[in-house]
PDB file of N, CA and C in Angstrom:
ATOM      1  N   MET A   1      -3.463   0.257  -2.083  1.00  0.00           N
ATOM      2  CA  MET A   1      -2.826   1.162  -3.015  1.00  0.00           C
ATOM      3  C   MET A   1      -3.271   2.588  -2.717  1.00  0.00           C
ATOM      4  N   ILE A   2      -2.318   3.505  -2.771  1.00  0.00           N
ATOM      5  CA  ILE A   2      -2.571   4.929  -2.557  1.00  0.00           C
ATOM      6  C   ILE A   2      -2.175   5.681  -3.822  1.00  0.00           C
ATOM      7  N   PHE A   3      -3.005   6.632  -4.230  1.00  0.00           N
ATOM      8  CA  PHE A   3      -2.655   7.523  -5.333  1.00  0.00           C
ATOM      9  C   PHE A   3      -2.207   8.857  -4.732  1.00  0.00           C
ATOM     10  N   VAL A   4      -1.129   9.389  -5.278  1.00  0.00           N
ATOM     11  CA  VAL A   4      -0.663  10.734  -4.939  1.00  0.00           C
ATOM     12  C   VAL A   4      -0.753  11.543  -6.224  1.00  0.00           C
ATOM     13  N   ILE A   5      -1.559  12.608  -6.197  1.00  0.00           N
ATOM     14  CA  ILE A   5      -1.741  13.443  -7.383  1.00  0.00           C
ATOM     15  C   ILE A   5      -1.190  14.832  -7.059  1.00  0.00           C
ATOM     16  N   ASP A   6      -0.034  15.128  -7.648  1.00  0.00           N
ATOM     17  CA  ASP A   6       0.640  16.396  -7.390  1.00  0.00           C
ATOM     18  C   ASP A   6       1.580  16.676  -8.549  1.00  0.00           C
ATOM     19  N   ASP A   7       1.541  17.890  -9.086  1.00  0.00           N
ATOM     20  CA  ASP A   7       2.427  18.223 -10.200  1.00  0.00           C
ATOM     21  C   ASP A   7       3.838  18.595  -9.747  1.00  0.00           C
ATOM     22  N   ASP A   8       4.064  18.644  -8.453  1.00  0.00           N
ATOM     23  CA  ASP A   8       5.412  18.836  -7.897  1.00  0.00           C
ATOM     24  C   ASP A   8       5.948  17.441  -7.569  1.00  0.00           C
ATOM     25  N   LEU A   9       6.800  16.919  -8.436  1.00  0.00           N
ATOM     26  CA  LEU A   9       7.273  15.545  -8.308  1.00  0.00           C
ATOM     27  C   LEU A   9       8.026  15.305  -7.003  1.00  0.00           C
ATOM     28  N   VAL A  10       8.797  16.280  -6.550  1.00  0.00           N
ATOM     29  CA  VAL A  10       9.530  16.130  -5.288  1.00  0.00           C
ATOM     30  C   VAL A  10       8.547  15.980  -4.131  1.00  0.00           C
ATOM     31  N   MET A  11       7.525  16.832  -4.107  1.00  0.00           N
ATOM     32  CA  MET A  11       6.506  16.758  -3.052  1.00  0.00           C
ATOM     33  C   MET A  11       5.774  15.419  -3.125  1.00  0.00           C
ATOM     34  N   ALA A  12       5.417  15.003  -4.330  1.00  0.00           N
ATOM     35  CA  ALA A  12       4.703  13.733  -4.497  1.00  0.00           C
ATOM     36  C   ALA A  12       5.523  12.562  -3.976  1.00  0.00           C
ATOM     37  N   LYS A  13       6.816  12.555  -4.265  1.00  0.00           N
ATOM     38  CA  LYS A  13       7.684  11.475  -3.782  1.00  0.00           C
ATOM     39  C   LYS A  13       7.817  11.508  -2.266  1.00  0.00           C
ATOM     40  N   CYS A  14       7.876  12.692  -1.687  1.00  0.00           N
ATOM     41  CA  CYS A  14       7.944  12.809  -0.224  1.00  0.00           C
ATOM     42  C   CYS A  14       6.682  12.245   0.424  1.00  0.00           C
ATOM     43  N   ILE A  15       5.521  12.553  -0.150  1.00  0.00           N
ATOM     44  CA  ILE A  15       4.258  12.034   0.376  1.00  0.00           C
ATOM     45  C   ILE A  15       4.236  10.515   0.250  1.00  0.00           C
ATOM     46  N   ALA A  16       4.613  10.014  -0.913  1.00  0.00           N
ATOM     47  CA  ALA A  16       4.630   8.565  -1.138  1.00  0.00           C
ATOM     48  C   ALA A  16       5.579   7.872  -0.166  1.00  0.00           C
ATOM     49  N   ASP A  17       6.761   8.427   0.043  1.00  0.00           N
ATOM     50  CA  ASP A  17       7.731   7.835   0.976  1.00  0.00           C
ATOM     51  C   ASP A  17       7.204   7.838   2.408  1.00  0.00           C
ATOM     52  N   ALA A  18       6.576   8.945   2.801  1.00  0.00           N
ATOM     53  CA  ALA A  18       6.068   9.065   4.171  1.00  0.00           C
ATOM     54  C   ALA A  18       4.885   8.133   4.418  1.00  0.00           C
ATOM     55  N   ALA A  19       4.106   7.847   3.388  1.00  0.00           N
ATOM     56  CA  ALA A  19       2.941   6.971   3.552  1.00  0.00           C
ATOM     57  C   ALA A  19       3.359   5.544   3.885  1.00  0.00           C
ATOM     58  N   LYS A  20       4.520   5.139   3.407  1.00  0.00           N
ATOM     59  CA  LYS A  20       5.056   3.802   3.669  1.00  0.00           C
ATOM     60  C   LYS A  20       4.097   2.693   3.244  1.00  0.00           C
ATOM     61  N   LYS A  21       3.423   2.927   2.133  1.00  0.00           N
ATOM     62  CA  LYS A  21       2.501   1.960   1.530  1.00  0.00           C
ATOM     63  C   LYS A  21       2.765   1.949   0.023  1.00  0.00           C
ATOM     64  N   GLU A  22       2.161   0.992  -0.655  1.00  0.00           N
ATOM     65  CA  GLU A  22       2.275   0.975  -2.111  1.00  0.00           C
ATOM     66  C   GLU A  22       1.551   2.197  -2.678  1.00  0.00           C
ATOM     67  N   THR A  23       2.248   2.966  -3.504  1.00  0.00           N
ATOM     68  CA  THR A  23       1.676   4.192  -4.055  1.00  0.00           C
ATOM     69  C   THR A  23       1.925   4.287  -5.556  1.00  0.00           C
ATOM     70  N   ARG A  24       1.064   5.072  -6.192  1.00  0.00           N
ATOM     71  CA  ARG A  24       1.262   5.475  -7.580  1.00  0.00           C
ATOM     72  C   ARG A  24       1.190   6.986  -7.610  1.00  0.00           C
ATOM     73  N   ILE A  25       2.141   7.595  -8.318  1.00  0.00           N
ATOM     74  CA  ILE A  25       2.215   9.048  -8.408  1.00  0.00           C
ATOM     75  C   ILE A  25       1.724   9.496  -9.777  1.00  0.00           C
ATOM     76  N   PHE A  26       0.893  10.525  -9.765  1.00  0.00           N
ATOM     77  CA  PHE A  26       0.381  11.129 -10.993  1.00  0.00           C
ATOM     78  C   PHE A  26       0.665  12.625 -10.950  1.00  0.00           C
ATOM     79  N   SER A  27       1.108  13.174 -12.070  1.00  0.00           N
ATOM     80  CA  SER A  27       1.444  14.598 -12.107  1.00  0.00           C
ATOM     81  C   SER A  27       0.256  15.471 -12.486  1.00  0.00           C
ATOM     82  N   ASN A  28      -0.867  14.838 -12.870  1.00  0.00           N
ATOM     83  CA  ASN A  28      -2.061  15.624 -13.167  1.00  0.00           C
ATOM     84  C   ASN A  28      -3.318  14.775 -12.984  1.00  0.00           C
ATOM     85  N   ALA A  29      -4.442  15.451 -12.938  1.00  0.00           N
ATOM     86  CA  ALA A  29      -5.721  14.785 -12.667  1.00  0.00           C
ATOM     87  C   ALA A  29      -6.157  13.882 -13.816  1.00  0.00           C
ATOM     88  N   ILE A  30      -5.829  14.253 -15.039  1.00  0.00           N
ATOM     89  CA  ILE A  30      -6.257  13.456 -16.192  1.00  0.00           C
ATOM     90  C   ILE A  30      -5.608  12.075 -16.170  1.00  0.00           C
ATOM     91  N   GLU A  31      -4.303  12.023 -15.885  1.00  0.00           N
ATOM     92  CA  GLU A  31      -3.619  10.723 -15.781  1.00  0.00           C
ATOM     93  C   GLU A  31      -4.292   9.841 -14.737  1.00  0.00           C
ATOM     94  N   ALA A  32      -4.578  10.411 -13.591  1.00  0.00           N
ATOM     95  CA  ALA A  32      -5.202   9.641 -12.503  1.00  0.00           C
ATOM     96  C   ALA A  32      -6.595   9.159 -12.897  1.00  0.00           C
ATOM     97  N   MET A  33      -7.376  10.004 -13.545  1.00  0.00           N
ATOM     98  CA  MET A  33      -8.732   9.617 -13.942  1.00  0.00           C
ATOM     99  C   MET A  33      -8.702   8.440 -14.923  1.00  0.00           C
ATOM    100  N   HIS A  34      -7.742   8.420 -15.816  1.00  0.00           N
ATOM    101  CA  HIS A  34      -7.641   7.303 -16.766  1.00  0.00           C
ATOM    102  C   HIS A  34      -7.356   5.987 -16.045  1.00  0.00           C
ATOM    103  N   VAL A  35      -6.526   6.031 -15.036  1.00  0.00           N
ATOM    104  CA  VAL A  35      -6.174   4.817 -14.295  1.00  0.00           C
ATOM    105  C   VAL A  35      -7.333   4.359 -13.416  1.00  0.00           C
ATOM    106  N   LEU A  36      -8.159   5.286 -12.963  1.00  0.00           N
ATOM    107  CA  LEU A  36      -9.312   4.921 -12.132  1.00  0.00           C
ATOM    108  C   LEU A  36     -10.281   3.998 -12.854  1.00  0.00           C
ATOM    109  N   ASP A  37     -10.239   3.993 -14.163  1.00  0.00           N
ATOM    110  CA  ASP A  37     -11.074   3.056 -14.921  1.00  0.00           C
ATOM    111  C   ASP A  37     -10.628   1.614 -14.714  1.00  0.00           C
ATOM    112  N   GLU A  38      -9.346   1.433 -14.358  1.00  0.00           N
ATOM    113  CA  GLU A  38      -8.763   0.094 -14.217  1.00  0.00           C
ATOM    114  C   GLU A  38      -8.479  -0.297 -12.770  1.00  0.00           C
ATOM    115  N   GLU A  39      -8.205   0.686 -11.945  1.00  0.00           N
ATOM    116  CA  GLU A  39      -7.750   0.413 -10.579  1.00  0.00           C
ATOM    117  C   GLU A  39      -8.283   1.478  -9.626  1.00  0.00           C
ATOM    118  N   LEU A  40      -8.896   1.033  -8.533  1.00  0.00           N
ATOM    119  CA  LEU A  40      -9.397   1.966  -7.528  1.00  0.00           C
ATOM    120  C   LEU A  40      -8.472   1.954  -6.321  1.00  0.00           C
ATOM    121  N   PRO A  41      -7.954   3.108  -5.935  1.00  0.00           N
ATOM    122  CA  PRO A  41      -7.085   3.159  -4.758  1.00  0.00           C
ATOM    123  C   PRO A  41      -7.906   3.123  -3.472  1.00  0.00           C
ATOM    124  N   GLU A  42      -7.220   2.866  -2.379  1.00  0.00           N
ATOM    125  CA  GLU A  42      -7.871   2.900  -1.065  1.00  0.00           C
ATOM    126  C   GLU A  42      -7.885   4.315  -0.494  1.00  0.00           C
ATOM    127  N   LEU A  43      -6.977   5.170  -0.992  1.00  0.00           N
ATOM    128  CA  LEU A  43      -6.807   6.534  -0.497  1.00  0.00           C
ATOM    129  C   LEU A  43      -6.156   7.363  -1.583  1.00  0.00           C
ATOM    130  N   ILE A  44      -6.504   8.655  -1.637  1.00  0.00           N
ATOM    131  CA  ILE A  44      -5.868   9.585  -2.567  1.00  0.00           C
ATOM    132  C   ILE A  44      -5.377  10.801  -1.791  1.00  0.00           C
ATOM    133  N   PHE A  45      -4.103  11.151  -1.989  1.00  0.00           N
ATOM    134  CA  PHE A  45      -3.563  12.429  -1.537  1.00  0.00           C
ATOM    135  C   PHE A  45      -3.614  13.346  -2.753  1.00  0.00           C
ATOM    136  N   LEU A  46      -4.334  14.464  -2.658  1.00  0.00           N
ATOM    137  CA  LEU A  46      -4.626  15.317  -3.804  1.00  0.00           C
ATOM    138  C   LEU A  46      -4.195  16.760  -3.578  1.00  0.00           C
ATOM    139  N   ASP A  47      -3.332  17.251  -4.467  1.00  0.00           N
ATOM    140  CA  ASP A  47      -3.009  18.674  -4.507  1.00  0.00           C
ATOM    141  C   ASP A  47      -4.161  19.385  -5.208  1.00  0.00           C
ATOM    142  N   ILE A  48      -4.436  20.607  -4.841  1.00  0.00           N
ATOM    143  CA  ILE A  48      -5.520  21.368  -5.464  1.00  0.00           C
ATOM    144  C   ILE A  48      -5.014  22.180  -6.653  1.00  0.00           C
ATOM    145  N   LEU A  49      -3.858  22.789  -6.523  1.00  0.00           N
ATOM    146  CA  LEU A  49      -3.327  23.636  -7.592  1.00  0.00           C
ATOM    147  C   LEU A  49      -2.505  22.790  -8.553  1.00  0.00           C
ATOM    148  N   LEU A  50      -3.189  22.122  -9.467  1.00  0.00           N
ATOM    149  CA  LEU A  50      -2.546  21.250 -10.438  1.00  0.00           C
ATOM    150  C   LEU A  50      -2.448  21.937 -11.798  1.00  0.00           C
ATOM    151  N   THR A  51      -1.479  21.511 -12.591  1.00  0.00           N
ATOM    152  CA  THR A  51      -1.409  21.935 -13.974  1.00  0.00           C
ATOM    153  C   THR A  51      -2.530  21.237 -14.730  1.00  0.00           C
ATOM    154  N   GLY A  52      -3.250  21.956 -15.565  1.00  0.00           N
ATOM    155  CA  GLY A  52      -4.410  21.380 -16.253  1.00  0.00           C
ATOM    156  C   GLY A  52      -5.616  21.458 -15.333  1.00  0.00           C
ATOM    157  N   PRO A  53      -6.515  20.476 -15.424  1.00  0.00           N
ATOM    158  CA  PRO A  53      -7.666  20.497 -14.514  1.00  0.00           C
ATOM    159  C   PRO A  53      -7.190  20.504 -13.052  1.00  0.00           C
ATOM    160  N   ASP A  54      -7.764  21.381 -12.256  1.00  0.00           N
ATOM    161  CA  ASP A  54      -7.308  21.499 -10.865  1.00  0.00           C
ATOM    162  C   ASP A  54      -7.941  20.428  -9.983  1.00  0.00           C
ATOM    163  N   GLY A  55      -7.556  20.446  -8.716  1.00  0.00           N
ATOM    164  CA  GLY A  55      -8.047  19.451  -7.770  1.00  0.00           C
ATOM    165  C   GLY A  55      -9.551  19.489  -7.573  1.00  0.00           C
ATOM    166  N   PHE A  56     -10.156  20.669  -7.669  1.00  0.00           N
ATOM    167  CA  PHE A  56     -11.611  20.750  -7.517  1.00  0.00           C
ATOM    168  C   PHE A  56     -12.328  20.084  -8.690  1.00  0.00           C
ATOM    169  N   THR A  57     -11.768  20.211  -9.878  1.00  0.00           N
ATOM    170  CA  THR A  57     -12.334  19.515 -11.034  1.00  0.00           C
ATOM    171  C   THR A  57     -12.272  18.003 -10.801  1.00  0.00           C
ATOM    172  N   PHE A  58     -11.136  17.541 -10.280  1.00  0.00           N
ATOM    173  CA  PHE A  58     -10.971  16.126  -9.964  1.00  0.00           C
ATOM    174  C   PHE A  58     -11.988  15.685  -8.915  1.00  0.00           C
ATOM    175  N   LEU A  59     -12.165  16.473  -7.857  1.00  0.00           N
ATOM    176  CA  LEU A  59     -13.126  16.139  -6.801  1.00  0.00           C
ATOM    177  C   LEU A  59     -14.545  16.035  -7.364  1.00  0.00           C
ATOM    178  N   ASN A  60     -14.923  16.975  -8.208  1.00  0.00           N
ATOM    179  CA  ASN A  60     -16.262  16.932  -8.819  1.00  0.00           C
ATOM    180  C   ASN A  60     -16.433  15.681  -9.659  1.00  0.00           C
ATOM    181  N   GLU A  61     -15.414  15.302 -10.378  1.00  0.00           N
ATOM    182  CA  GLU A  61     -15.483  14.095 -11.201  1.00  0.00           C
ATOM    183  C   GLU A  61     -15.602  12.852 -10.316  1.00  0.00           C
ATOM    184  N   MET A  62     -14.860  12.818  -9.237  1.00  0.00           N
ATOM    185  CA  MET A  62     -14.874  11.661  -8.330  1.00  0.00           C
ATOM    186  C   MET A  62     -16.262  11.406  -7.752  1.00  0.00           C
ATOM    187  N   VAL A  63     -16.942  12.454  -7.317  1.00  0.00           N
ATOM    188  CA  VAL A  63     -18.249  12.254  -6.674  1.00  0.00           C
ATOM    189  C   VAL A  63     -19.359  11.955  -7.672  1.00  0.00           C
ATOM    190  N   SER A  64     -19.076  12.095  -8.951  1.00  0.00           N
ATOM    191  CA  SER A  64     -20.121  11.853  -9.942  1.00  0.00           C
ATOM    192  C   SER A  64     -20.258  10.376 -10.321  1.00  0.00           C
ATOM    193  N   TYR A  65     -19.380   9.526  -9.810  1.00  0.00           N
ATOM    194  CA  TYR A  65     -19.454   8.083 -10.088  1.00  0.00           C
ATOM    195  C   TYR A  65     -19.508   7.313  -8.774  1.00  0.00           C
ATOM    196  N   SER A  66     -20.401   6.354  -8.692  1.00  0.00           N
ATOM    197  CA  SER A  66     -20.602   5.629  -7.437  1.00  0.00           C
ATOM    198  C   SER A  66     -19.358   4.857  -7.000  1.00  0.00           C
ATOM    199  N   ASP A  67     -18.594   4.312  -7.940  1.00  0.00           N
ATOM    200  CA  ASP A  67     -17.427   3.521  -7.555  1.00  0.00           C
ATOM    201  C   ASP A  67     -16.265   4.382  -7.058  1.00  0.00           C
ATOM    202  N   THR A  68     -16.184   5.624  -7.470  1.00  0.00           N
ATOM    203  CA  THR A  68     -15.095   6.486  -7.002  1.00  0.00           C
ATOM    204  C   THR A  68     -15.510   7.428  -5.873  1.00  0.00           C
ATOM    205  N   ALA A  69     -16.801   7.630  -5.701  1.00  0.00           N
ATOM    206  CA  ALA A  69     -17.287   8.570  -4.684  1.00  0.00           C
ATOM    207  C   ALA A  69     -16.916   8.145  -3.269  1.00  0.00           C
ATOM    208  N   ALA A  70     -16.719   6.859  -3.052  1.00  0.00           N
ATOM    209  CA  ALA A  70     -16.426   6.364  -1.699  1.00  0.00           C
ATOM    210  C   ALA A  70     -14.938   6.358  -1.357  1.00  0.00           C
ATOM    211  N   ILE A  71     -14.078   6.738  -2.298  1.00  0.00           N
ATOM    212  CA  ILE A  71     -12.629   6.734  -2.031  1.00  0.00           C
ATOM    213  C   ILE A  71     -12.285   7.937  -1.160  1.00  0.00           C
ATOM    214  N   PRO A  72     -11.663   7.706   0.002  1.00  0.00           N
ATOM    215  CA  PRO A  72     -11.274   8.829   0.852  1.00  0.00           C
ATOM    216  C   PRO A  72     -10.145   9.646   0.213  1.00  0.00           C
ATOM    217  N   ILE A  73     -10.248  10.958   0.372  1.00  0.00           N
ATOM    218  CA  ILE A  73      -9.270  11.875  -0.218  1.00  0.00           C
ATOM    219  C   ILE A  73      -8.737  12.799   0.858  1.00  0.00           C
ATOM    220  N   VAL A  74      -7.413  12.961   0.864  1.00  0.00           N
ATOM    221  CA  VAL A  74      -6.760  13.931   1.738  1.00  0.00           C
ATOM    222  C   VAL A  74      -6.237  15.047   0.842  1.00  0.00           C
ATOM    223  N   VAL A  75      -6.718  16.255   1.048  1.00  0.00           N
ATOM    224  CA  VAL A  75      -6.247  17.409   0.293  1.00  0.00           C
ATOM    225  C   VAL A  75      -4.902  17.831   0.876  1.00  0.00           C
ATOM    226  N   VAL A  76      -3.921  17.975  -0.016  1.00  0.00           N
ATOM    227  CA  VAL A  76      -2.583  18.417   0.363  1.00  0.00           C
ATOM    228  C   VAL A  76      -2.320  19.684  -0.445  1.00  0.00           C
ATOM    229  N   SER A  77      -2.250  20.830   0.221  1.00  0.00           N
ATOM    230  CA  SER A  77      -2.178  22.082  -0.521  1.00  0.00           C
ATOM    231  C   SER A  77      -1.471  23.166   0.259  1.00  0.00           C
ATOM    232  N   SER A  78      -0.975  24.153  -0.466  1.00  0.00           N
ATOM    233  CA  SER A  78      -0.433  25.347   0.177  1.00  0.00           C
ATOM    234  C   SER A  78      -1.554  26.346   0.467  1.00  0.00           C
ATOM    235  N   LEU A  79      -2.739  26.103  -0.092  1.00  0.00           N
ATOM    236  CA  LEU A  79      -3.909  26.930   0.217  1.00  0.00           C
ATOM    237  C   LEU A  79      -4.455  26.535   1.585  1.00  0.00           C
ATOM    238  N   ASP A  80      -5.093  27.475   2.255  1.00  0.00           N
ATOM    239  CA  ASP A  80      -5.628  27.212   3.596  1.00  0.00           C
ATOM    240  C   ASP A  80      -7.069  26.704   3.503  1.00  0.00           C
ATOM    241  N   PHE A  81      -7.248  25.417   3.812  1.00  0.00           N
ATOM    242  CA  PHE A  81      -8.575  24.828   3.822  1.00  0.00           C
ATOM    243  C   PHE A  81      -9.046  24.525   5.239  1.00  0.00           C
ATOM    244  N   SER A  82      -8.305  24.962   6.241  1.00  0.00           N
ATOM    245  CA  SER A  82      -8.737  24.714   7.613  1.00  0.00           C
ATOM    246  C   SER A  82     -10.086  25.400   7.836  1.00  0.00           C
ATOM    247  N   GLY A  83     -10.965  24.692   8.481  1.00  0.00           N
ATOM    248  CA  GLY A  83     -12.295  25.226   8.736  1.00  0.00           C
ATOM    249  C   GLY A  83     -13.266  25.038   7.580  1.00  0.00           C
ATOM    250  N   LYS A  84     -12.796  24.520   6.456  1.00  0.00           N
ATOM    251  CA  LYS A  84     -13.674  24.269   5.308  1.00  0.00           C
ATOM    252  C   LYS A  84     -14.160  22.824   5.370  1.00  0.00           C
ATOM    253  N   ASN A  85     -15.420  22.604   5.091  1.00  0.00           N
ATOM    254  CA  ASN A  85     -15.989  21.264   5.089  1.00  0.00           C
ATOM    255  C   ASN A  85     -16.101  20.778   3.646  1.00  0.00           C
ATOM    256  N   LEU A  86     -15.206  19.889   3.268  1.00  0.00           N
ATOM    257  CA  LEU A  86     -15.202  19.331   1.920  1.00  0.00           C
ATOM    258  C   LEU A  86     -15.632  17.857   1.927  1.00  0.00           C
ATOM    259  N   SER A  87     -16.291  17.435   2.991  1.00  0.00           N
ATOM    260  CA  SER A  87     -16.668  16.025   3.132  1.00  0.00           C
ATOM    261  C   SER A  87     -17.629  15.563   2.033  1.00  0.00           C
ATOM    262  N   ALA A  88     -18.406  16.466   1.465  1.00  0.00           N
ATOM    263  CA  ALA A  88     -19.310  16.090   0.373  1.00  0.00           C
ATOM    264  C   ALA A  88     -18.537  15.599  -0.846  1.00  0.00           C
ATOM    265  N   TYR A  89     -17.257  15.933  -0.908  1.00  0.00           N
ATOM    266  CA  TYR A  89     -16.389  15.501  -2.014  1.00  0.00           C
ATOM    267  C   TYR A  89     -15.546  14.287  -1.641  1.00  0.00           C
ATOM    268  N   GLY A  90     -15.810  13.691  -0.498  1.00  0.00           N
ATOM    269  CA  GLY A  90     -15.025  12.542  -0.064  1.00  0.00           C
ATOM    270  C   GLY A  90     -13.751  12.915   0.656  1.00  0.00           C
ATOM    271  N   VAL A  91     -13.587  14.189   0.959  1.00  0.00           N
ATOM    272  CA  VAL A  91     -12.375  14.652   1.634  1.00  0.00           C
ATOM    273  C   VAL A  91     -12.460  14.299   3.118  1.00  0.00           C
ATOM    274  N   VAL A  92     -11.474  13.533   3.578  1.00  0.00           N
ATOM    275  CA  VAL A  92     -11.440  13.100   4.974  1.00  0.00           C
ATOM    276  C   VAL A  92     -10.412  13.866   5.792  1.00  0.00           C
ATOM    277  N   GLY A  93      -9.608  14.692   5.120  1.00  0.00           N
ATOM    278  CA  GLY A  93      -8.604  15.449   5.846  1.00  0.00           C
ATOM    279  C   GLY A  93      -7.900  16.455   4.960  1.00  0.00           C
ATOM    280  N   TYR A  94      -7.171  17.330   5.626  1.00  0.00           N
ATOM    281  CA  TYR A  94      -6.424  18.383   4.947  1.00  0.00           C
ATOM    282  C   TYR A  94      -5.034  18.460   5.548  1.00  0.00           C
ATOM    283  N   LEU A  95      -4.029  18.521   4.693  1.00  0.00           N
ATOM    284  CA  LEU A  95      -2.653  18.727   5.143  1.00  0.00           C
ATOM    285  C   LEU A  95      -2.083  19.950   4.441  1.00  0.00           C
ATOM    286  N   SER A  96      -1.507  20.848   5.226  1.00  0.00           N
ATOM    287  CA  SER A  96      -0.865  22.029   4.670  1.00  0.00           C
ATOM    288  C   SER A  96       0.547  21.657   4.219  1.00  0.00           C
ATOM    289  N   LYS A  97       0.885  21.970   2.982  1.00  0.00           N
ATOM    290  CA  LYS A  97       2.230  21.681   2.487  1.00  0.00           C
ATOM    291  C   LYS A  97       3.295  22.410   3.308  1.00  0.00           C
ATOM    292  N   ASP A  98       2.904  23.494   3.941  1.00  0.00           N
ATOM    293  CA  ASP A  98       3.853  24.290   4.720  1.00  0.00           C
ATOM    294  C   ASP A  98       4.176  23.675   6.079  1.00  0.00           C
ATOM    295  N   THR A  99       3.249  22.888   6.624  1.00  0.00           N
ATOM    296  CA  THR A  99       3.442  22.413   7.998  1.00  0.00           C
ATOM    297  C   THR A  99       3.259  20.919   8.195  1.00  0.00           C
ATOM    298  N   MET A 100       2.856  20.179   7.152  1.00  0.00           N
ATOM    299  CA  MET A 100       2.585  18.750   7.343  1.00  0.00           C
ATOM    300  C   MET A 100       3.852  17.998   7.721  1.00  0.00           C
ATOM    301  N   THR A 101       3.637  16.881   8.407  1.00  0.00           N
ATOM    302  CA  THR A 101       4.756  16.052   8.846  1.00  0.00           C
ATOM    303  C   THR A 101       4.614  14.642   8.264  1.00  0.00           C
ATOM    304  N   PRO A 102       5.711  13.913   8.159  1.00  0.00           N
ATOM    305  CA  PRO A 102       5.611  12.519   7.712  1.00  0.00           C
ATOM    306  C   PRO A 102       4.657  11.689   8.575  1.00  0.00           C
ATOM    307  N   ALA A 103       4.615  11.965   9.864  1.00  0.00           N
ATOM    308  CA  ALA A 103       3.733  11.220  10.767  1.00  0.00           C
ATOM    309  C   ALA A 103       2.264  11.452  10.416  1.00  0.00           C
ATOM    310  N   GLU A 104       1.902  12.665  10.027  1.00  0.00           N
ATOM    311  CA  GLU A 104       0.514  12.942   9.642  1.00  0.00           C
ATOM    312  C   GLU A 104       0.149  12.187   8.363  1.00  0.00           C
ATOM    313  N   ILE A 105       1.058  12.179   7.396  1.00  0.00           N
ATOM    314  CA  ILE A 105       0.824  11.454   6.147  1.00  0.00           C
ATOM    315  C   ILE A 105       0.655   9.970   6.436  1.00  0.00           C
ATOM    316  N   LYS A 106       1.572   9.421   7.225  1.00  0.00           N
ATOM    317  CA  LYS A 106       1.514   7.998   7.570  1.00  0.00           C
ATOM    318  C   LYS A 106       0.231   7.679   8.338  1.00  0.00           C
ATOM    319  N   GLY A 107      -0.209   8.586   9.179  1.00  0.00           N
ATOM    320  CA  GLY A 107      -1.441   8.381   9.934  1.00  0.00           C
ATOM    321  C   GLY A 107      -2.643   8.182   9.024  1.00  0.00           C
ATOM    322  N   TYR A 108      -2.777   9.019   8.014  1.00  0.00           N
ATOM    323  CA  TYR A 108      -3.862   8.843   7.052  1.00  0.00           C
ATOM    324  C   TYR A 108      -3.703   7.547   6.268  1.00  0.00           C
ATOM    325  N   ALA A 109      -2.467   7.254   5.852  1.00  0.00           N
ATOM    326  CA  ALA A 109      -2.207   6.017   5.096  1.00  0.00           C
ATOM    327  C   ALA A 109      -2.561   4.796   5.914  1.00  0.00           C
ATOM    328  N   ASP A 110      -2.180   4.792   7.179  1.00  0.00           N
ATOM    329  CA  ASP A 110      -2.476   3.641   8.044  1.00  0.00           C
ATOM    330  C   ASP A 110      -3.976   3.499   8.300  1.00  0.00           C
ATOM    331  N   LYS A 111      -4.666   4.611   8.388  1.00  0.00           N
ATOM    332  CA  LYS A 111      -6.097   4.564   8.681  1.00  0.00           C
ATOM    333  C   LYS A 111      -6.923   4.077   7.483  1.00  0.00           C
ATOM    334  N   TYR A 112      -6.526   4.439   6.275  1.00  0.00           N
ATOM    335  CA  TYR A 112      -7.366   4.178   5.107  1.00  0.00           C
ATOM    336  C   TYR A 112      -6.834   3.136   4.125  1.00  0.00           C
ATOM    337  N   ALA A 113      -5.550   2.799   4.188  1.00  0.00           N
ATOM    338  CA  ALA A 113      -4.975   1.848   3.224  1.00  0.00           C
ATOM    339  C   ALA A 113      -4.372   0.667   3.947  1.00  0.00           C
ATOM    340  N   LYS A 114      -4.457  -0.496   3.315  1.00  0.00           N
ATOM    341  CA  LYS A 114      -3.921  -1.742   3.920  1.00  0.00           C
ATOM    342  C   LYS A 114      -2.418  -1.751   3.931  1.00  0.00           C
TER     343      LYS A 114
END
């Protein structure tokens, strides 16, 4: 299972379609955090500029619990994170919303999700 957390529903659906795996879409971090109590995904695609608590708030929350700290996260954003090391937050990759391709999304999905 893959979680896609993005308040742009069109973008979230595009990511989910490109991943070609079972996905759940959340429009904000709070919705996703509530579901994490019941279900742990194998991978999360996370937008940073979310309505409500932003992606960094979500990342901080994720690393504060042992069961969620190990979930790999791919940051998907229009902000430039190239050259930034976010591995302490479980971030395994970065995709720019401006240039990402379906193949890149699928590559992460294939690597981290069954």
